[in-house]
Amino acid sequence: MRDAHLDILYRGPLASCNYACPYCPFAKRRDSRETLRRDAAQLARFVDWAGAQTRRTLGILFTPWGEALIRPAYRRATARLSRMPHIRRVAAQTNLSWPTGWLDGCDPTRIAFWCTFHPGETSLDRFLGRCVELDARGISYSVGLVGKREHLAALAALRQRLRPEIYLWVNAYRDEGQNYYRPDDLERLRAVDPLFDLNRTGIRSRGRACATGESVVSVDGDGEVRRCHVVPARIGNLYDPDFDTALRPRPCPLAQCRCHIGYAHMPHLGFREIFGDGLLERALPDSTVAANAVRRKGLERGRSDASLA
């Protein structure tokens, strides 16, 4: 039986969202009552399982298709997990559109957020107001957006008004092909996010070492375990008594990886060194220091030997 640390990316059946972003297939999607009931029951089972894993430490990142934290079940689960001494970190991908009072019941040293700003769905002032509330509680977080060209002004405003040490990441917009960005767009994006080109071009990943499937796994509501969200092969079930026997080193089977929560776990890129304790929530310990580390490793502008650029 293993007793080392395990990071879990949890994604239940919930797919509803309160935002209507035109670039997202889950925009304004509504789940049925039955789906919400099933999702809440599966989430409760997962939290109970996590609570019993006292022989090892865990990190948990909720990666819902939609927005989970508008649902009380996810707020209760996150708060409960944050108070478990063997949970190093519980984080969630979120649009920050929910009330924040429940955070007072969380351990602020263990809770964290991967926050996405969606221009057109909320105002910059409202979004930054939520960030201020996280700051006041000492909660770790990162901020980012989808890098559409019409979002560049919002990106500049975010960078100006966020605390300088907060990492502001950009996910490349790919729906309009590789020639979507003009050279001046790329310079503006790189100036904000030194890791942008890795996300834009992707990583040559086939055969490379990756922690997914060994110390990082993706889990769905039924407990089905996959190495990561983008490799569909099942490797076991979280609730099987012998689940740990499925955890072992696995080279990446994909020709390329273009997902941050995938390539972040490739040891040759050194993301654990760069992000430190903020790896789950995509938060750099200090954006300036980390940017220098990125340049030392040759990761800016896709210069890694693993880049597709």
Protein backbone atom coordinates (compact mmCIF):
# COMPACT_ATOMS: atom_id res chain seq x y z
CA MET A 1 0.00 0.00 0.00
CA ARG A 2 1.22 3.44 -0.89
CA ASP A 3 1.29 6.20 1.67
CA ALA A 4 2.85 9.00 -0.41
CA HIS A 5 1.10 12.22 -1.37
CA LEU A 6 -1.61 12.00 -4.04
CA ASP A 7 -3.12 14.87 -6.03
CA ILE A 8 -6.67 14.32 -7.32
CA LEU A 9 -8.43 16.28 -10.04
CA TYR A 10 -12.12 15.70 -9.35
CA ARG A 11 -14.84 16.27 -11.95
CA GLY A 12 -18.36 15.06 -11.24
CA PRO A 13 -21.34 15.09 -13.62
CA LEU A 14 -22.24 18.72 -12.86
CA ALA A 15 -22.06 20.72 -16.10
CA SER A 16 -24.24 23.76 -15.41
CA CYS A 17 -22.95 27.31 -15.40
CA ASN A 18 -24.37 30.72 -14.59
CA TYR A 19 -22.28 32.43 -17.29
CA ALA A 20 -22.91 32.56 -21.05
CA CYS A 21 -19.38 32.82 -22.45
CA PRO A 22 -19.57 32.37 -26.26
CA TYR A 23 -16.35 30.32 -26.29
CA CYS A 24 -17.63 27.71 -23.80
CA PRO A 25 -19.91 24.75 -24.65
CA PHE A 26 -21.36 24.84 -21.12
CA ALA A 27 -22.56 28.45 -21.31
CA LYS A 28 -25.83 28.89 -19.42
CA ARG A 29 -26.29 25.14 -19.33
CA ARG A 30 -28.76 23.85 -16.76
CA ASP A 31 -28.52 20.47 -15.09
CA SER A 32 -31.65 18.50 -14.24
CA ARG A 33 -32.63 18.02 -10.61
CA GLU A 34 -31.68 14.36 -10.92
CA THR A 35 -28.21 15.26 -12.21
CA LEU A 36 -27.69 17.73 -9.36
CA ARG A 37 -28.89 15.16 -6.82
CA ARG A 38 -26.57 12.50 -8.24
CA ASP A 39 -23.66 14.93 -8.38
CA ALA A 40 -24.14 15.96 -4.74
CA ALA A 41 -24.33 12.31 -3.61
CA GLN A 42 -21.17 11.40 -5.51
CA LEU A 43 -19.39 14.44 -4.12
CA ALA A 44 -20.35 13.47 -0.56
CA ARG A 45 -18.99 9.96 -1.15
CA PHE A 46 -15.73 11.39 -2.45
CA VAL A 47 -15.33 13.71 0.55
CA ASP A 48 -15.97 10.80 2.92
CA TRP A 49 -13.32 8.76 1.09
CA ALA A 50 -10.84 11.63 1.27
CA GLY A 51 -11.51 12.04 4.97
CA ALA A 52 -10.56 8.42 5.60
CA GLN A 53 -7.21 8.67 3.77
CA THR A 54 -5.24 9.62 6.85
CA ARG A 55 -2.32 7.33 5.97
CA ARG A 56 -1.26 9.80 3.27
CA THR A 57 -1.63 13.44 2.36
CA LEU A 58 -3.91 14.62 -0.44
CA GLY A 59 -4.25 17.60 -2.72
CA ILE A 60 -7.63 18.09 -4.41
CA LEU A 61 -8.54 20.29 -7.35
CA PHE A 62 -12.18 20.55 -8.40
CA THR A 63 -12.27 20.95 -12.19
CA PRO A 64 -15.99 21.10 -13.03
CA TRP A 65 -17.36 21.42 -16.54
CA GLY A 66 -19.45 24.36 -15.30
CA GLU A 67 -19.36 26.49 -12.15
CA ALA A 68 -19.48 24.30 -9.04
CA LEU A 69 -19.16 26.80 -6.19
CA ILE A 70 -22.56 28.37 -6.85
CA ARG A 71 -23.84 25.07 -5.43
CA PRO A 72 -23.98 24.78 -1.61
CA ALA A 73 -22.84 21.14 -1.77
CA TYR A 74 -19.49 22.16 -3.25
CA ARG A 75 -19.02 24.99 -0.78
CA ARG A 76 -19.68 22.62 2.12
CA ALA A 77 -17.37 19.99 0.65
CA THR A 78 -14.56 22.47 0.08
CA ALA A 79 -14.85 23.89 3.60
CA ARG A 80 -14.90 20.41 5.16
CA LEU A 81 -11.88 19.24 3.18
CA SER A 82 -9.92 22.36 4.13
CA ARG A 83 -10.28 21.48 7.80
CA MET A 84 -8.87 17.96 7.43
CA PRO A 85 -5.26 17.93 8.66
CA HIS A 86 -4.05 15.47 5.99
CA ILE A 87 -5.41 17.59 3.11
CA ARG A 88 -2.52 19.81 2.03
CA ARG A 89 -4.62 21.79 -0.43
CA VAL A 90 -8.18 21.88 -1.72
CA ALA A 91 -8.59 24.13 -4.74
CA ALA A 92 -11.27 24.82 -7.33
CA GLN A 93 -11.51 26.29 -10.79
CA THR A 94 -14.09 29.06 -10.54
CA ASN A 95 -15.47 32.32 -11.93
CA LEU A 96 -15.74 33.82 -8.40
CA SER A 97 -19.42 34.66 -8.87
CA TRP A 98 -20.57 33.22 -5.53
CA PRO A 99 -21.08 34.79 -2.08
CA THR A 100 -17.94 34.68 0.03
CA GLY A 101 -19.24 34.39 3.60
CA TRP A 102 -18.75 30.61 3.65
CA LEU A 103 -14.99 31.11 3.37
CA ASP A 104 -14.95 32.07 7.05
CA GLY A 105 -15.54 28.39 7.83
CA CYS A 106 -12.48 27.27 5.83
CA ASP A 107 -8.84 26.92 6.78
CA PRO A 108 -7.34 29.74 4.68
CA THR A 109 -3.93 28.07 4.61
CA ARG A 110 -5.32 25.02 2.79
CA ILE A 111 -7.98 26.44 0.48
CA ALA A 112 -7.11 27.98 -2.90
CA PHE A 113 -8.73 29.09 -6.15
CA TRP A 114 -7.95 29.02 -9.87
CA CYS A 115 -9.99 32.06 -10.89
CA THR A 116 -11.06 32.96 -14.42
CA PHE A 117 -12.25 36.42 -15.41
CA HIS A 118 -14.81 36.37 -18.22
CA PRO A 119 -15.22 39.83 -19.81
CA GLY A 120 -18.84 40.47 -20.73
CA GLU A 121 -20.17 38.24 -17.94
CA THR A 122 -19.13 40.37 -14.98
CA SER A 123 -17.50 43.73 -14.44
CA LEU A 124 -13.82 44.13 -13.66
CA ASP A 125 -14.69 45.96 -10.45
CA ARG A 126 -16.94 43.15 -9.25
CA PHE A 127 -14.38 40.46 -10.06
CA LEU A 128 -11.55 42.36 -8.40
CA GLY A 129 -13.77 42.92 -5.37
CA ARG A 130 -13.90 39.16 -4.93
CA CYS A 131 -10.10 39.01 -5.21
CA VAL A 132 -9.84 41.61 -2.45
CA GLU A 133 -11.95 39.36 -0.24
CA LEU A 134 -9.59 36.46 -0.90
CA ASP A 135 -6.64 38.71 -0.09
CA ALA A 136 -8.23 39.80 3.18
CA ARG A 137 -8.47 36.15 4.24
CA GLY A 138 -4.95 35.24 3.13
CA ILE A 139 -6.21 32.73 0.56
CA SER A 140 -3.96 31.69 -2.33
CA TYR A 141 -5.27 32.15 -5.87
CA SER A 142 -4.35 32.76 -9.47
CA VAL A 143 -6.26 34.78 -12.07
CA GLY A 144 -6.55 34.27 -15.78
CA LEU A 145 -8.68 34.57 -18.86
CA VAL A 146 -9.16 33.14 -22.33
CA GLY A 147 -6.83 35.04 -24.64
CA LYS A 148 -9.24 36.30 -27.27
CA ARG A 149 -7.92 39.38 -29.03
CA GLU A 150 -10.91 41.43 -27.85
CA HIS A 151 -9.88 40.57 -24.28
CA LEU A 152 -6.45 42.22 -24.50
CA ALA A 153 -7.66 45.50 -23.01
CA ALA A 154 -9.26 43.62 -20.11
CA LEU A 155 -6.02 41.69 -19.65
CA ALA A 156 -4.04 44.92 -19.38
CA ALA A 157 -6.53 46.35 -16.89
CA LEU A 158 -6.37 43.18 -14.79
CA ARG A 159 -2.59 43.28 -14.67
CA GLN A 160 -2.60 46.92 -13.65
CA ARG A 161 -5.05 46.43 -10.80
CA LEU A 162 -4.12 43.01 -9.42
CA ARG A 163 -1.44 42.80 -6.78
CA PRO A 164 1.86 42.44 -8.67
CA GLU A 165 2.69 39.10 -7.05
CA ILE A 166 -0.54 37.48 -8.33
CA TYR A 167 0.14 35.32 -11.37
CA LEU A 168 -2.04 36.35 -14.32
CA TRP A 169 -2.19 33.49 -16.80
CA VAL A 170 -3.66 33.37 -20.29
CA ASN A 171 -5.20 30.34 -21.97
CA ALA A 172 -4.65 30.46 -25.73
CA TYR A 173 -7.75 30.81 -27.90
CA ARG A 174 -7.56 28.07 -30.52
CA ASP A 175 -10.94 28.05 -32.27
CA GLU A 176 -9.72 30.22 -35.16
CA GLY A 177 -6.47 28.43 -35.94
CA GLN A 178 -2.75 28.96 -35.38
CA ASN A 179 -2.65 32.31 -37.21
CA TYR A 180 -5.24 33.92 -34.94
CA TYR A 181 -2.71 36.11 -33.11
CA ARG A 182 -0.78 38.95 -34.74
CA PRO A 183 2.87 39.46 -33.76
CA ASP A 184 2.01 42.46 -31.59
CA ASP A 185 -0.74 40.44 -29.86
CA LEU A 186 1.81 37.78 -28.96
CA GLU A 187 4.20 40.31 -27.49
CA ARG A 188 1.45 41.75 -25.29
CA LEU A 189 0.40 38.30 -24.12
CA ARG A 190 3.96 37.19 -23.40
CA ALA A 191 4.61 40.36 -21.43
CA VAL A 192 1.80 39.39 -19.04
CA ASP A 193 2.20 35.60 -18.96
CA PRO A 194 5.73 34.23 -19.51
CA LEU A 195 4.22 30.75 -19.92
CA PHE A 196 1.71 31.73 -22.61
CA ASP A 197 3.62 30.17 -25.49
CA LEU A 198 3.70 26.77 -23.83
CA ASN A 199 -0.08 26.86 -23.66
CA ARG A 200 -0.40 28.17 -27.22
CA THR A 201 1.95 25.74 -28.96
CA GLY A 202 1.67 22.72 -26.69
CA ILE A 203 4.26 20.20 -25.60
CA ARG A 204 5.71 17.24 -27.46
CA SER A 205 4.68 14.69 -24.90
CA ARG A 206 4.63 11.15 -26.31
CA GLY A 207 6.93 8.89 -24.32
CA ARG A 208 7.87 11.59 -21.82
CA ALA A 209 7.69 11.07 -18.08
CA CYS A 210 4.61 12.53 -16.40
CA ALA A 211 3.39 12.25 -12.82
CA THR A 212 -0.19 11.66 -13.95
CA GLY A 213 -1.24 8.10 -13.27
CA GLU A 214 1.29 7.81 -10.46
CA SER A 215 1.01 10.72 -8.01
CA VAL A 216 -1.68 12.72 -9.85
CA VAL A 217 -4.97 11.28 -11.08
CA SER A 218 -8.27 12.40 -12.58
CA VAL A 219 -11.43 11.07 -10.92
CA ASP A 220 -15.06 11.28 -12.03
CA GLY A 221 -18.20 11.09 -9.93
CA ASP A 222 -18.38 7.29 -10.13
CA GLY A 223 -14.83 7.05 -8.82
CA GLU A 224 -13.44 6.00 -12.20
CA VAL A 225 -9.77 6.95 -12.35
CA ARG A 226 -7.85 8.11 -15.40
CA ARG A 227 -4.34 9.45 -15.50
CA CYS A 228 -5.61 12.88 -16.62
CA HIS A 229 -8.65 14.53 -18.18
CA VAL A 230 -7.43 14.17 -21.77
CA VAL A 231 -6.37 10.50 -21.77
CA PRO A 232 -9.60 8.45 -21.73
CA ALA A 233 -8.15 5.08 -20.72
CA ARG A 234 -9.43 3.93 -17.32
CA ILE A 235 -6.76 2.80 -14.86
CA GLY A 236 -8.93 1.80 -11.90
CA ASN A 237 -11.61 2.92 -9.48
CA LEU A 238 -10.91 5.10 -6.47
CA TYR A 239 -13.22 3.06 -4.26
CA ASP A 240 -11.68 -0.33 -5.01
CA PRO A 241 -9.74 -1.64 -1.98
CA ASP A 242 -6.70 -2.34 -4.16
CA PHE A 243 -6.84 0.96 -6.06
CA ASP A 244 -3.28 1.92 -5.09
CA THR A 245 -1.86 -0.94 -7.14
CA ALA A 246 -2.90 1.00 -10.26
CA LEU A 247 -0.61 3.92 -9.38
CA ARG A 248 2.66 3.63 -11.26
CA PRO A 249 4.88 5.63 -13.65
CA ARG A 250 3.35 5.97 -17.11
CA PRO A 251 4.92 7.80 -20.06
CA CYS A 252 2.50 10.08 -21.87
CA PRO A 253 0.69 8.32 -24.76
CA LEU A 254 -0.29 11.54 -26.55
CA ALA A 255 1.63 13.16 -29.39
CA GLN A 256 1.13 16.52 -27.73
CA CYS A 257 -0.25 18.01 -24.53
CA ARG A 258 -1.89 21.43 -24.70
CA CYS A 259 -3.54 21.46 -21.29
CA HIS A 260 -1.89 23.17 -18.31
CA ILE A 261 -3.21 20.63 -15.82
CA GLY A 262 -1.54 17.95 -17.92
CA TYR A 263 1.89 19.28 -18.84
CA ALA A 264 2.29 20.94 -15.42
CA HIS A 265 3.07 17.44 -14.13
CA MET A 266 5.88 16.68 -16.61
CA PRO A 267 9.02 16.75 -14.46
CA HIS A 268 11.38 17.97 -17.20
CA LEU A 269 9.48 21.29 -17.33
CA GLY A 270 10.12 21.92 -13.64
CA PHE A 271 6.67 23.31 -12.85
CA ARG A 272 6.72 21.93 -9.30
CA GLU A 273 9.86 23.95 -8.69
CA ILE A 274 8.40 27.07 -10.31
CA PHE A 275 4.91 26.93 -8.77
CA GLY A 276 5.76 25.33 -5.44
CA ASP A 277 2.73 24.86 -3.20
CA GLY A 278 0.59 26.77 -5.71
CA LEU A 279 0.75 24.15 -8.47
CA LEU A 280 -2.83 22.93 -8.01
CA GLU A 281 -4.36 26.41 -8.22
CA ARG A 282 -1.85 27.58 -10.87
CA ALA A 283 -0.55 30.24 -8.49
CA LEU A 284 3.07 31.32 -8.57
CA PRO A 285 4.67 32.09 -5.20
CA ASP A 286 5.97 35.35 -6.66
CA SER A 287 5.25 36.25 -10.27
CA THR A 288 8.51 38.17 -10.80
CA VAL A 289 10.79 35.53 -9.31
CA ALA A 290 8.94 32.77 -11.14
CA ALA A 291 9.13 34.63 -14.44
CA ASN A 292 12.91 34.71 -14.08
CA ALA A 293 12.91 30.96 -13.35
CA VAL A 294 10.84 30.39 -16.49
CA ARG A 295 13.39 32.27 -18.57
CA ARG A 296 16.31 30.40 -17.01
CA LYS A 297 14.67 27.13 -18.01
CA GLY A 298 14.10 28.37 -21.56
CA LEU A 299 10.31 27.94 -21.33
CA GLU A 300 9.34 31.38 -22.61
CA ARG A 301 8.27 31.71 -26.26
CA GLY A 302 7.99 27.93 -26.48
CA ARG A 303 11.77 27.47 -26.33
CA SER A 304 11.66 24.23 -24.36
CA ASP A 305 12.98 21.27 -26.32
CA ALA A 306 9.54 19.77 -25.74
CA SER A 307 7.67 22.64 -27.38
CA LEU A 308 5.84 22.29 -30.67
CA ALA A 309 6.92 25.77 -31.75
